[in-house]
Protein backbone atom coordinates (compact mmCIF):
# COMPACT_ATOMS: atom_id res chain seq x y z
CA MET A 1 30.57 4.88 -43.57
CA ALA A 2 29.48 2.05 -41.30
CA ARG A 3 29.59 2.62 -37.58
CA SER A 4 31.78 0.39 -35.49
CA ILE A 5 30.31 -2.06 -33.03
CA ASP A 6 31.58 0.12 -30.16
CA GLN A 7 29.75 3.12 -31.61
CA GLN A 8 26.56 1.10 -31.99
CA ILE A 9 26.84 -0.09 -28.38
CA ALA A 10 27.39 3.47 -27.14
CA THR A 11 24.38 4.73 -29.11
CA THR A 12 22.19 1.92 -27.80
CA GLN A 13 23.34 2.48 -24.21
CA ALA A 14 22.60 6.20 -24.53
CA LYS A 15 19.11 5.41 -25.81
CA LEU A 16 18.55 2.95 -22.95
CA ASN A 17 19.65 5.58 -20.43
CA ARG A 18 17.19 8.10 -21.91
CA LEU A 19 14.37 5.55 -21.69
CA LYS A 20 15.25 4.78 -18.07
CA GLN A 21 15.16 8.50 -17.25
CA ARG A 22 11.73 8.83 -18.88
CA GLN A 23 10.47 5.82 -16.92
CA LYS A 24 11.74 7.25 -13.64
CA ALA A 25 10.18 10.65 -14.39
CA SER A 26 6.86 8.94 -15.17
CA GLU A 27 6.95 6.98 -11.90
CA THR A 28 7.74 10.17 -9.97
CA ARG A 29 4.82 12.02 -11.61
CA ARG A 30 2.50 9.14 -10.75
CA LYS A 31 3.60 9.20 -7.10
CA ILE A 32 3.04 12.95 -6.91
CA ILE A 33 -0.44 12.67 -8.40
CA VAL A 34 -1.48 9.81 -6.10
CA GLY A 35 0.01 11.55 -3.07
CA ALA A 36 -1.84 14.78 -3.84
CA ILE A 37 -5.16 13.00 -4.27
CA VAL A 38 -4.82 10.90 -1.12
CA THR A 39 -3.70 13.92 0.93
CA THR A 40 -6.64 16.01 -0.31
CA GLU A 41 -9.11 13.27 0.58
CA ALA A 42 -7.47 12.64 3.96
CA LEU A 43 -7.87 16.29 4.89
CA LYS A 44 -11.62 15.91 4.26
CA ASP A 45 -12.29 12.47 5.75
CA PRO A 46 -11.37 11.65 9.38
CA LYS A 47 -11.11 7.91 8.70
CA ILE A 48 -8.62 8.45 5.87
CA ALA A 49 -6.83 11.09 7.97
CA ARG A 50 -6.30 8.60 10.81
CA TRP A 51 -5.06 5.93 8.43
CA MET A 52 -2.72 8.29 6.60
CA ALA A 53 -1.25 9.75 9.79
CA ALA A 54 -0.63 6.28 11.24
CA THR A 55 0.88 5.05 7.97
CA LEU A 56 3.18 8.05 7.67
CA ARG A 57 4.32 7.75 11.27
CA LYS A 58 5.05 4.07 10.80
CA ASN A 59 6.85 4.29 7.45
CA ALA A 60 8.63 7.66 7.43
CA THR A 61 11.60 6.56 9.49
CA ARG A 62 14.26 9.00 8.29
CA GLU A 63 14.55 12.09 10.46
CA VAL A 64 14.59 14.40 7.45
CA ASP A 65 11.31 12.88 6.22
CA GLN A 66 9.72 13.12 9.67
CA LYS A 67 10.61 16.82 9.87
CA GLU A 68 9.06 17.42 6.45
CA LEU A 69 5.80 15.76 7.53
CA VAL A 70 5.26 17.59 10.84
CA GLY A 71 2.79 20.13 9.43
CA LEU A 72 0.81 17.57 7.47
CA LEU A 73 0.61 15.23 10.46
CA ASP A 74 -0.72 18.10 12.58
CA GLU A 75 -3.41 18.81 9.97
CA LEU A 76 -4.37 15.14 9.75
CA ASP A 77 -4.57 14.88 13.55
CA GLN A 78 -6.82 17.94 13.63
CA VAL A 79 -9.18 16.43 11.05
CA ALA A 80 -9.33 13.17 13.03
CA ALA A 81 -9.80 14.96 16.37
CA LYS A 82 -12.53 17.19 14.97
CA ALA A 83 -14.56 14.09 14.07
CA ASP A 84 -13.99 12.65 17.55
CA ARG A 85 -15.47 15.79 19.15
CA THR A 86 -18.68 15.63 17.13
């Protein structure tokens, strides 16, 4: 039995929604990977640490985000300060 046009539209919309979810999940994974790599390098390199700390302070404007970053910002500041002392 042939499907109605409404059924075909619903099936196509469901497929589109699944593809959009996969795309969003892929973008999220990419952000996590990049963030992990940049954070790891920043904790080793004072120049990157300074840049990352300044960038985070400038761009993380929501209070909830700022609270989440307190520990990382402290670590980055320590890496930058350690280089300044040597």
